[in-house]
Amino acid sequence: MPLVFIILLIGALVLGPQLWIRWVFFRYGGDKPDIPGTGGELATHLLKRFGINDVVVEKTEPNRDHFDSSTPAVRLSPNNFDGKSLTAIAVAAHEVGHALQWHKKETVFKLRSKYIPLAMKLQRIGFLLLSLAPFTIILTRIPIVAAIPLVGGLLVALCGAATYLIILPEEWDASFNKAMPILIEGEYITADQQAAAKRILRAAALTYVAAALASILQFWRWLPFLLRR
């Protein structure tokens, strides 16, 4: 029973933020007649408005909204690219916020390129160590020795997930120092829509955090073994 409770608790903690983000996007994802253009059209307009002529706007897979500095391109999921919803325009403004960071060569934008590869590397090393644990058990038959790669793998992989938290300032800046002022000052949203836009932009800023927490779910299959050591 304690193990089941622990698993349920971890599940709530790591899945809760991701489910909340999906719910916020869904809640404000319906097209509104008073919104004149789609998210894709707004992104294109904002890039031209700020003189960012070397960035294109493209449609990407569902739930994969992002700014790609290597192309460079603002990529929006189908609902946000074609939709005329609060979610569509807020997410479009958020991704253009990243384009502004890149265009202005702001220090905050370097967080992603510096730490995301590190996070991915740590997680790969962690999973490699975890995969070695069963072989260590077979070869040594010594519980303490067998637990070393298991515990080490968990710690390294969790550090990799935590590394995603480092880019939170970049995401927060794109939402609240870029997108929100743009939407308000440009009168792209009404006063009544500002509270909803803040919720959407907060969800957009926390997307990487939620993804990092969700990645912890991959460690569950090792938890019963670890608790028996």
Protein backbone atom coordinates (compact mmCIF):
# COMPACT_ATOMS: atom_id res chain seq x y z
CA MET A 1 0.00 0.00 0.00
CA PRO A 2 2.74 2.59 0.79
CA LEU A 3 4.32 1.91 -2.61
CA VAL A 4 0.99 2.42 -4.37
CA PHE A 5 0.48 5.67 -2.45
CA ILE A 6 3.97 6.88 -3.37
CA ILE A 7 3.39 6.09 -7.04
CA LEU A 8 0.03 7.90 -7.04
CA LEU A 9 1.56 10.90 -5.28
CA ILE A 10 4.45 11.10 -7.74
CA GLY A 11 2.01 10.72 -10.62
CA ALA A 12 -0.07 13.63 -9.37
CA LEU A 13 2.99 15.83 -8.88
CA VAL A 14 4.57 15.16 -12.25
CA LEU A 15 1.46 14.86 -14.41
CA GLY A 16 -0.55 17.60 -12.71
CA PRO A 17 1.30 20.57 -14.29
CA GLN A 18 1.15 19.02 -17.77
CA LEU A 19 -2.57 18.32 -17.47
CA TRP A 20 -3.13 21.88 -16.22
CA ILE A 21 -1.29 23.33 -19.21
CA ARG A 22 -3.34 21.20 -21.63
CA TRP A 23 -6.54 22.26 -19.87
CA VAL A 24 -5.67 25.98 -20.05
CA PHE A 25 -4.87 25.74 -23.77
CA PHE A 26 -8.10 23.79 -24.37
CA ARG A 27 -10.23 26.14 -22.26
CA TYR A 28 -9.30 29.18 -24.36
CA GLY A 29 -8.82 27.29 -27.63
CA GLY A 30 -12.21 28.04 -29.17
CA ASP A 31 -12.34 30.52 -32.05
CA LYS A 32 -13.72 33.93 -31.12
CA PRO A 33 -15.48 36.17 -33.66
CA ASP A 34 -13.87 39.34 -32.29
CA ILE A 35 -10.35 38.07 -33.05
CA PRO A 36 -9.61 39.27 -36.60
CA GLY A 37 -6.75 36.94 -37.54
CA THR A 38 -5.24 33.55 -36.88
CA GLY A 39 -2.23 32.82 -34.71
CA GLY A 40 -0.13 32.29 -37.82
CA GLU A 41 -1.22 35.63 -39.26
CA LEU A 42 -0.48 37.41 -35.99
CA ALA A 43 3.00 35.87 -35.79
CA THR A 44 3.74 36.96 -39.38
CA HIS A 45 2.44 40.45 -38.65
CA LEU A 46 4.48 40.81 -35.45
CA LEU A 47 7.70 39.67 -37.10
CA LYS A 48 7.23 42.30 -39.82
CA ARG A 49 6.27 44.91 -37.22
CA PHE A 50 9.53 44.40 -35.33
CA GLY A 51 11.64 44.18 -38.47
CA ILE A 52 12.51 40.50 -38.08
CA ASN A 53 12.53 39.65 -41.75
CA ASP A 54 14.71 36.54 -41.61
CA VAL A 55 12.27 34.44 -39.55
CA VAL A 56 9.48 32.45 -41.20
CA VAL A 57 6.22 31.19 -39.70
CA GLU A 58 5.43 27.53 -40.22
CA LYS A 59 2.85 24.96 -39.19
CA THR A 60 4.16 22.06 -37.10
CA GLU A 61 2.81 19.00 -35.30
CA PRO A 62 0.13 19.29 -32.56
CA ASN A 63 1.47 20.50 -29.19
CA ARG A 64 4.88 21.26 -30.70
CA ASP A 65 4.77 25.08 -30.74
CA HIS A 66 8.32 26.44 -30.59
CA PHE A 67 10.85 28.86 -32.01
CA ASP A 68 13.70 27.24 -33.94
CA SER A 69 16.73 29.52 -34.09
CA SER A 70 18.61 27.22 -36.46
CA THR A 71 16.20 27.81 -39.35
CA PRO A 72 15.07 30.34 -38.03
CA ALA A 73 11.32 29.82 -37.76
CA VAL A 74 8.33 30.32 -35.49
CA ARG A 75 6.46 27.01 -35.59
CA LEU A 76 2.85 26.75 -34.44
CA SER A 77 0.66 23.69 -34.02
CA PRO A 78 -2.32 23.43 -36.42
CA ASN A 79 -4.88 24.76 -33.93
CA ASN A 80 -2.72 27.77 -33.14
CA PHE A 81 -1.55 28.38 -36.71
CA ASP A 82 -5.06 28.33 -38.20
CA GLY A 83 -7.14 29.20 -35.15
CA LYS A 84 -8.61 32.53 -34.08
CA SER A 85 -8.64 31.80 -30.38
CA LEU A 86 -7.06 33.41 -27.35
CA THR A 87 -4.77 30.42 -27.06
CA ALA A 88 -3.70 30.80 -30.70
CA ILE A 89 -2.77 34.46 -30.47
CA ALA A 90 -1.17 34.21 -27.01
CA VAL A 91 1.00 31.23 -28.00
CA ALA A 92 1.91 32.96 -31.28
CA ALA A 93 2.97 36.07 -29.35
CA HIS A 94 4.98 33.90 -26.93
CA GLU A 95 6.94 32.25 -29.75
CA VAL A 96 7.51 35.63 -31.40
CA GLY A 97 8.84 36.69 -27.99
CA HIS A 98 11.54 34.05 -28.41
CA ALA A 99 12.22 35.36 -31.91
CA LEU A 100 12.71 38.83 -30.40
CA GLN A 101 15.15 37.43 -27.83
CA TRP A 102 17.10 35.78 -30.64
CA HIS A 103 16.96 38.83 -32.92
CA LYS A 104 18.20 41.15 -30.17
CA LYS A 105 20.85 38.62 -29.11
CA GLU A 106 19.64 38.82 -25.52
CA THR A 107 21.60 36.92 -22.90
CA VAL A 108 18.47 35.19 -21.63
CA PHE A 109 18.01 33.42 -24.97
CA LYS A 110 21.35 31.64 -24.59
CA LEU A 111 19.98 29.59 -21.69
CA ARG A 112 18.18 27.20 -24.03
CA SER A 113 21.13 26.47 -26.33
CA LYS A 114 23.47 26.09 -23.35
CA TYR A 115 21.46 23.91 -21.00
CA ILE A 116 18.99 21.87 -23.07
CA PRO A 117 21.81 19.77 -24.63
CA LEU A 118 23.23 19.26 -21.12
CA ALA A 119 19.84 18.12 -19.82
CA MET A 120 19.45 15.65 -22.66
CA LYS A 121 22.98 14.31 -22.12
CA LEU A 122 22.43 13.80 -18.39
CA GLN A 123 19.18 11.98 -19.01
CA ARG A 124 20.81 9.67 -21.58
CA ILE A 125 23.64 8.86 -19.12
CA GLY A 126 21.09 8.25 -16.38
CA PHE A 127 19.08 5.81 -18.46
CA LEU A 128 22.27 4.04 -19.52
CA LEU A 129 23.25 3.52 -15.88
CA LEU A 130 19.75 2.31 -15.07
CA SER A 131 19.87 -0.20 -17.90
CA LEU A 132 23.14 -1.59 -16.51
CA ALA A 133 21.63 -2.32 -13.10
CA PRO A 134 20.08 -5.74 -13.98
CA PHE A 135 23.37 -6.94 -15.50
CA THR A 136 25.24 -5.82 -12.38
CA ILE A 137 22.87 -7.88 -10.26
CA ILE A 138 23.46 -10.98 -12.38
CA LEU A 139 27.24 -10.59 -12.44
CA THR A 140 27.88 -9.65 -8.81
CA ARG A 141 24.86 -10.89 -6.85
CA ILE A 142 25.83 -8.28 -4.26
CA PRO A 143 22.88 -5.97 -3.46
CA ILE A 144 25.01 -2.95 -2.56
CA VAL A 145 27.08 -3.19 -5.74
CA ALA A 146 23.95 -3.74 -7.83
CA ALA A 147 22.35 -0.64 -6.33
CA ILE A 148 25.21 1.66 -7.36
CA PRO A 149 24.26 2.03 -11.06
CA LEU A 150 20.58 2.15 -10.11
CA VAL A 151 20.93 4.98 -7.61
CA GLY A 152 23.50 6.75 -9.77
CA GLY A 153 21.29 6.46 -12.82
CA LEU A 154 18.29 7.87 -10.96
CA LEU A 155 20.29 10.81 -9.63
CA VAL A 156 21.84 11.65 -13.00
CA ALA A 157 18.53 11.36 -14.85
CA LEU A 158 16.75 13.48 -12.24
CA CYS A 159 19.50 16.10 -12.53
CA GLY A 160 18.89 16.09 -16.26
CA ALA A 161 15.19 16.71 -15.71
CA ALA A 162 15.96 19.48 -13.21
CA THR A 163 18.27 21.17 -15.74
CA TYR A 164 15.19 22.08 -17.77
CA LEU A 165 14.20 24.39 -14.92
CA ILE A 166 17.18 26.60 -15.70
CA ILE A 167 15.57 27.87 -18.90
CA LEU A 168 12.45 29.05 -17.04
CA PRO A 169 13.67 32.70 -17.03
CA GLU A 170 13.86 32.59 -20.83
CA GLU A 171 10.31 31.25 -21.08
CA TRP A 172 9.00 33.73 -18.51
CA ASP A 173 10.65 36.62 -20.36
CA ALA A 174 9.06 35.53 -23.65
CA SER A 175 5.63 35.46 -22.01
CA PHE A 176 5.59 38.45 -19.69
CA ASN A 177 8.32 40.81 -20.88
CA LYS A 178 7.56 40.29 -24.55
CA ALA A 179 4.21 38.72 -25.43
CA MET A 180 1.96 40.28 -22.77
CA PRO A 181 3.06 43.90 -23.38
CA ILE A 182 2.79 43.32 -27.14
CA LEU A 183 -0.76 42.01 -26.85
CA ILE A 184 -1.87 44.84 -24.55
CA GLU A 185 -0.07 47.80 -26.13
CA GLY A 186 -0.94 46.68 -29.66
CA GLU A 187 -4.58 46.22 -28.60
CA TYR A 188 -4.59 42.68 -29.98
CA ILE A 189 -6.70 41.69 -26.97
CA THR A 190 -9.38 43.54 -25.02
CA ALA A 191 -9.18 44.45 -21.35
CA ASP A 192 -11.60 41.62 -20.58
CA GLN A 193 -9.27 39.12 -22.26
CA GLN A 194 -6.11 40.10 -20.41
CA ALA A 195 -6.64 37.78 -17.43
CA ALA A 196 -7.16 34.79 -19.74
CA ALA A 197 -4.12 35.77 -21.82
CA LYS A 198 -1.99 35.81 -18.66
CA ARG A 199 -3.11 32.28 -17.81
CA ILE A 200 -2.26 31.06 -21.30
CA LEU A 201 1.14 32.76 -21.27
CA ARG A 202 1.87 31.34 -17.83
CA ALA A 203 1.06 27.88 -19.16
CA ALA A 204 3.27 28.49 -22.21
CA ALA A 205 6.15 29.57 -19.95
CA LEU A 206 5.84 26.43 -17.82
CA THR A 207 5.69 23.96 -20.71
CA TYR A 208 9.33 22.86 -20.34
CA VAL A 209 8.95 22.55 -16.57
CA ALA A 210 5.93 20.30 -17.02
CA ALA A 211 7.78 18.22 -19.62
CA ALA A 212 10.74 17.83 -17.26
CA LEU A 213 8.47 16.65 -14.46
CA ALA A 214 6.66 14.26 -16.80
CA SER A 215 9.99 12.69 -17.76
CA ILE A 216 10.31 11.52 -14.16
CA LEU A 217 7.54 9.04 -14.91
CA GLN A 218 10.07 7.02 -16.88
CA PHE A 219 11.82 6.19 -13.58
CA TRP A 220 8.75 4.53 -12.03
CA ARG A 221 9.64 1.08 -13.31
CA TRP A 222 12.84 1.27 -11.25
CA LEU A 223 11.18 2.50 -8.04
CA PRO A 224 10.05 -0.90 -6.62
CA PHE A 225 13.56 -2.31 -7.11
CA LEU A 226 15.15 0.70 -5.43
CA LEU A 227 12.83 0.45 -2.42
CA ARG A 228 13.80 -3.20 -1.89
CA ARG A 229 17.51 -2.41 -1.58
